[in-house]
Amino acid sequence: MGTGKSINSISSTLVELFSDERVTRDLNNQLFAGLTSGESVSIELDGLERFEIPPNSQHKVCSVVLQRDLTPTAEEVRVFCAVGGIEHASNGIIYPKYCFATVRYNEEGELYTYDLHASQLY
């Protein structure tokens, strides 16, 4: 079944394109839009007490998914990341410093929306 590119090649390309650095920059631009420089973002999520995400937080990409919907025809890349990085991981469960985010990119590779989650099992 020669389709040109192997899944491993496509996967590697996605990881390169949607690196920790890029996702950190893009997500921080969204999280801190409209705030004065140095101001933290105050967040409240179900299952967590209100918390602050400080400016210039680093995020860790946990997964990158390329999705193509056939009806209606659309493509997007979803990046799931640990906001503030990973505190620790145990038995396949990741514990972020602050919370998780799903960051969605359109066909042009531009971030168009994001959602924050209290756990990786949303």
C-alpha atoms as a PDB file:
ATOM      1  CA  MET A   1       0.000   0.000   0.000  1.00  0.00           C
ATOM      2  CA  GLY A   2       2.278   2.796  -1.179  1.00  0.00           C
ATOM      3  CA  THR A   3       0.554   6.090  -0.363  1.00  0.00           C
ATOM      4  CA  GLY A   4       3.637   8.292  -0.556  1.00  0.00           C
ATOM      5  CA  LYS A   5       4.169   9.163   3.097  1.00  0.00           C
ATOM      6  CA  SER A   6       4.184   6.799   6.017  1.00  0.00           C
ATOM      7  CA  ILE A   7       2.167   7.524   9.133  1.00  0.00           C
ATOM      8  CA  ASN A   8       5.445   7.878  11.021  1.00  0.00           C
ATOM      9  CA  SER A   9       6.603  10.576   8.581  1.00  0.00           C
ATOM     10  CA  ILE A  10       3.310  12.468   8.846  1.00  0.00           C
ATOM     11  CA  SER A  11       3.413  12.183  12.637  1.00  0.00           C
ATOM     12  CA  SER A  12       6.966  13.533  12.804  1.00  0.00           C
ATOM     13  CA  THR A  13       6.028  16.458  10.567  1.00  0.00           C
ATOM     14  CA  LEU A  14       3.043  17.342  12.774  1.00  0.00           C
ATOM     15  CA  VAL A  15       5.185  17.239  15.913  1.00  0.00           C
ATOM     16  CA  GLU A  16       7.727  19.545  14.240  1.00  0.00           C
ATOM     17  CA  LEU A  17       5.068  21.975  13.007  1.00  0.00           C
ATOM     18  CA  PHE A  18       3.220  22.149  16.317  1.00  0.00           C
ATOM     19  CA  SER A  19       6.137  22.248  18.738  1.00  0.00           C
ATOM     20  CA  ASP A  20       6.020  23.224  22.409  1.00  0.00           C
ATOM     21  CA  GLU A  21       7.454  26.615  21.459  1.00  0.00           C
ATOM     22  CA  ARG A  22       4.841  27.355  18.807  1.00  0.00           C
ATOM     23  CA  VAL A  23       1.892  26.188  20.887  1.00  0.00           C
ATOM     24  CA  THR A  24       3.205  28.124  23.907  1.00  0.00           C
ATOM     25  CA  ARG A  25       3.479  31.309  21.844  1.00  0.00           C
ATOM     26  CA  ASP A  26       0.069  30.879  20.185  1.00  0.00           C
ATOM     27  CA  LEU A  27      -1.807  29.907  23.346  1.00  0.00           C
ATOM     28  CA  ASN A  28      -0.196  32.664  25.426  1.00  0.00           C
ATOM     29  CA  ASN A  29      -1.143  35.210  22.750  1.00  0.00           C
ATOM     30  CA  GLN A  30      -4.763  34.106  23.190  1.00  0.00           C
ATOM     31  CA  LEU A  31      -4.748  33.717  26.987  1.00  0.00           C
ATOM     32  CA  PHE A  32      -3.169  37.119  27.663  1.00  0.00           C
ATOM     33  CA  ALA A  33      -4.799  39.137  24.851  1.00  0.00           C
ATOM     34  CA  GLY A  34      -6.081  42.431  26.186  1.00  0.00           C
ATOM     35  CA  LEU A  35      -4.234  42.194  29.522  1.00  0.00           C
ATOM     36  CA  THR A  36      -1.539  44.582  30.611  1.00  0.00           C
ATOM     37  CA  SER A  37       2.018  43.274  30.382  1.00  0.00           C
ATOM     38  CA  GLY A  38       2.919  41.026  33.313  1.00  0.00           C
ATOM     39  CA  GLU A  39      -0.697  40.409  34.363  1.00  0.00           C
ATOM     40  CA  SER A  40      -1.783  36.838  35.196  1.00  0.00           C
ATOM     41  CA  VAL A  41      -4.937  35.213  33.837  1.00  0.00           C
ATOM     42  CA  SER A  42      -7.500  34.146  36.420  1.00  0.00           C
ATOM     43  CA  ILE A  43      -9.211  30.870  35.471  1.00  0.00           C
ATOM     44  CA  GLU A  44     -12.035  28.856  37.013  1.00  0.00           C
ATOM     45  CA  LEU A  45     -12.786  25.342  35.735  1.00  0.00           C
ATOM     46  CA  ASP A  46     -15.186  22.666  36.957  1.00  0.00           C
ATOM     47  CA  GLY A  47     -13.314  20.435  39.379  1.00  0.00           C
ATOM     48  CA  LEU A  48     -10.632  23.028  40.202  1.00  0.00           C
ATOM     49  CA  GLU A  49     -10.535  26.034  42.477  1.00  0.00           C
ATOM     50  CA  ARG A  50      -9.892  29.411  40.841  1.00  0.00           C
ATOM     51  CA  PHE A  51      -6.223  29.675  39.866  1.00  0.00           C
ATOM     52  CA  GLU A  52      -3.853  32.060  38.120  1.00  0.00           C
ATOM     53  CA  ILE A  53      -1.768  31.363  35.031  1.00  0.00           C
ATOM     54  CA  PRO A  54       1.248  33.687  35.053  1.00  0.00           C
ATOM     55  CA  PRO A  55       2.464  35.412  31.878  1.00  0.00           C
ATOM     56  CA  ASN A  56       5.099  33.652  29.794  1.00  0.00           C
ATOM     57  CA  SER A  57       4.007  30.219  31.030  1.00  0.00           C
ATOM     58  CA  GLN A  58       5.517  27.342  29.086  1.00  0.00           C
ATOM     59  CA  HIS A  59       3.217  24.599  27.830  1.00  0.00           C
ATOM     60  CA  LYS A  60       4.007  20.982  26.984  1.00  0.00           C
ATOM     61  CA  VAL A  61       2.409  19.363  23.946  1.00  0.00           C
ATOM     62  CA  CYS A  62       0.965  15.964  24.866  1.00  0.00           C
ATOM     63  CA  SER A  63      -0.634  15.016  21.536  1.00  0.00           C
ATOM     64  CA  VAL A  64      -1.158  16.358  18.015  1.00  0.00           C
ATOM     65  CA  VAL A  65      -4.074  15.138  15.897  1.00  0.00           C
ATOM     66  CA  LEU A  66      -4.798  15.856  12.242  1.00  0.00           C
ATOM     67  CA  GLN A  67      -8.506  15.422  11.618  1.00  0.00           C
ATOM     68  CA  ARG A  68     -10.342  15.482   8.311  1.00  0.00           C
ATOM     69  CA  ASP A  69     -14.114  15.566   8.437  1.00  0.00           C
ATOM     70  CA  LEU A  70     -15.702  14.319   5.231  1.00  0.00           C
ATOM     71  CA  THR A  71     -19.124  15.859   5.801  1.00  0.00           C
ATOM     72  CA  PRO A  72     -18.790  18.802   5.793  1.00  0.00           C
ATOM     73  CA  THR A  73     -15.306  18.710   4.323  1.00  0.00           C
ATOM     74  CA  ALA A  74     -12.924  20.387   6.752  1.00  0.00           C
ATOM     75  CA  GLU A  75      -9.506  19.780   8.238  1.00  0.00           C
ATOM     76  CA  GLU A  76      -8.056  20.854  11.539  1.00  0.00           C
ATOM     77  CA  VAL A  77      -5.125  20.086  13.772  1.00  0.00           C
ATOM     78  CA  ARG A  78      -5.903  19.624  17.464  1.00  0.00           C
ATOM     79  CA  VAL A  79      -3.081  20.012  19.937  1.00  0.00           C
ATOM     80  CA  PHE A  80      -3.613  18.810  23.485  1.00  0.00           C
ATOM     81  CA  CYS A  81      -1.171  20.354  25.949  1.00  0.00           C
ATOM     82  CA  ALA A  82      -0.370  20.682  29.634  1.00  0.00           C
ATOM     83  CA  VAL A  83      -0.682  24.366  30.549  1.00  0.00           C
ATOM     84  CA  GLY A  84       2.370  25.375  32.548  1.00  0.00           C
ATOM     85  CA  GLY A  85       4.082  22.090  31.706  1.00  0.00           C
ATOM     86  CA  ILE A  86       3.845  18.626  33.226  1.00  0.00           C
ATOM     87  CA  GLU A  87       4.203  18.374  37.000  1.00  0.00           C
ATOM     88  CA  HIS A  88       4.498  14.585  36.827  1.00  0.00           C
ATOM     89  CA  ALA A  89       3.078  11.530  35.074  1.00  0.00           C
ATOM     90  CA  SER A  90       2.046   8.260  36.658  1.00  0.00           C
ATOM     91  CA  ASN A  91       0.555   5.129  35.099  1.00  0.00           C
ATOM     92  CA  GLY A  92      -0.223   6.950  31.867  1.00  0.00           C
ATOM     93  CA  ILE A  93      -1.938   9.869  33.604  1.00  0.00           C
ATOM     94  CA  ILE A  94      -0.423  13.319  33.135  1.00  0.00           C
ATOM     95  CA  TYR A  95      -0.654  15.967  35.830  1.00  0.00           C
ATOM     96  CA  PRO A  96      -0.253  19.527  34.494  1.00  0.00           C
ATOM     97  CA  LYS A  97       1.021  22.455  36.505  1.00  0.00           C
ATOM     98  CA  TYR A  98      -2.233  24.382  35.960  1.00  0.00           C
ATOM     99  CA  CYS A  99      -4.697  22.636  33.622  1.00  0.00           C
ATOM    100  CA  PHE A 100      -4.948  21.224  30.094  1.00  0.00           C
ATOM    101  CA  ALA A 101      -5.783  22.974  26.831  1.00  0.00           C
ATOM    102  CA  THR A 102      -7.035  21.760  23.485  1.00  0.00           C
ATOM    103  CA  VAL A 103      -5.766  24.189  20.856  1.00  0.00           C
ATOM    104  CA  ARG A 104      -7.324  24.013  17.389  1.00  0.00           C
ATOM    105  CA  TYR A 105      -5.645  25.155  14.185  1.00  0.00           C
ATOM    106  CA  ASN A 106      -7.439  25.617  10.849  1.00  0.00           C
ATOM    107  CA  GLU A 107      -6.347  24.433   7.401  1.00  0.00           C
ATOM    108  CA  GLU A 108      -4.004  27.427   7.085  1.00  0.00           C
ATOM    109  CA  GLY A 109      -2.271  26.467  10.322  1.00  0.00           C
ATOM    110  CA  GLU A 110      -3.708  29.395  12.290  1.00  0.00           C
ATOM    111  CA  LEU A 111      -5.029  28.995  15.823  1.00  0.00           C
ATOM    112  CA  TYR A 112      -8.760  29.617  15.717  1.00  0.00           C
ATOM    113  CA  THR A 113      -9.970  28.429  19.140  1.00  0.00           C
ATOM    114  CA  TYR A 114      -8.926  26.764  22.366  1.00  0.00           C
ATOM    115  CA  ASP A 115     -10.604  25.115  25.340  1.00  0.00           C
ATOM    116  CA  LEU A 116      -9.256  24.662  28.863  1.00  0.00           C
ATOM    117  CA  HIS A 117      -9.890  21.434  30.828  1.00  0.00           C
ATOM    118  CA  ALA A 118      -9.392  20.377  34.435  1.00  0.00           C
ATOM    119  CA  SER A 119      -8.278  16.868  33.457  1.00  0.00           C
ATOM    120  CA  GLN A 120      -7.008  14.957  30.453  1.00  0.00           C
ATOM    121  CA  LEU A 121     -10.151  12.806  30.595  1.00  0.00           C
ATOM    122  CA  TYR A 122     -12.712  15.325  29.365  1.00  0.00           C
END
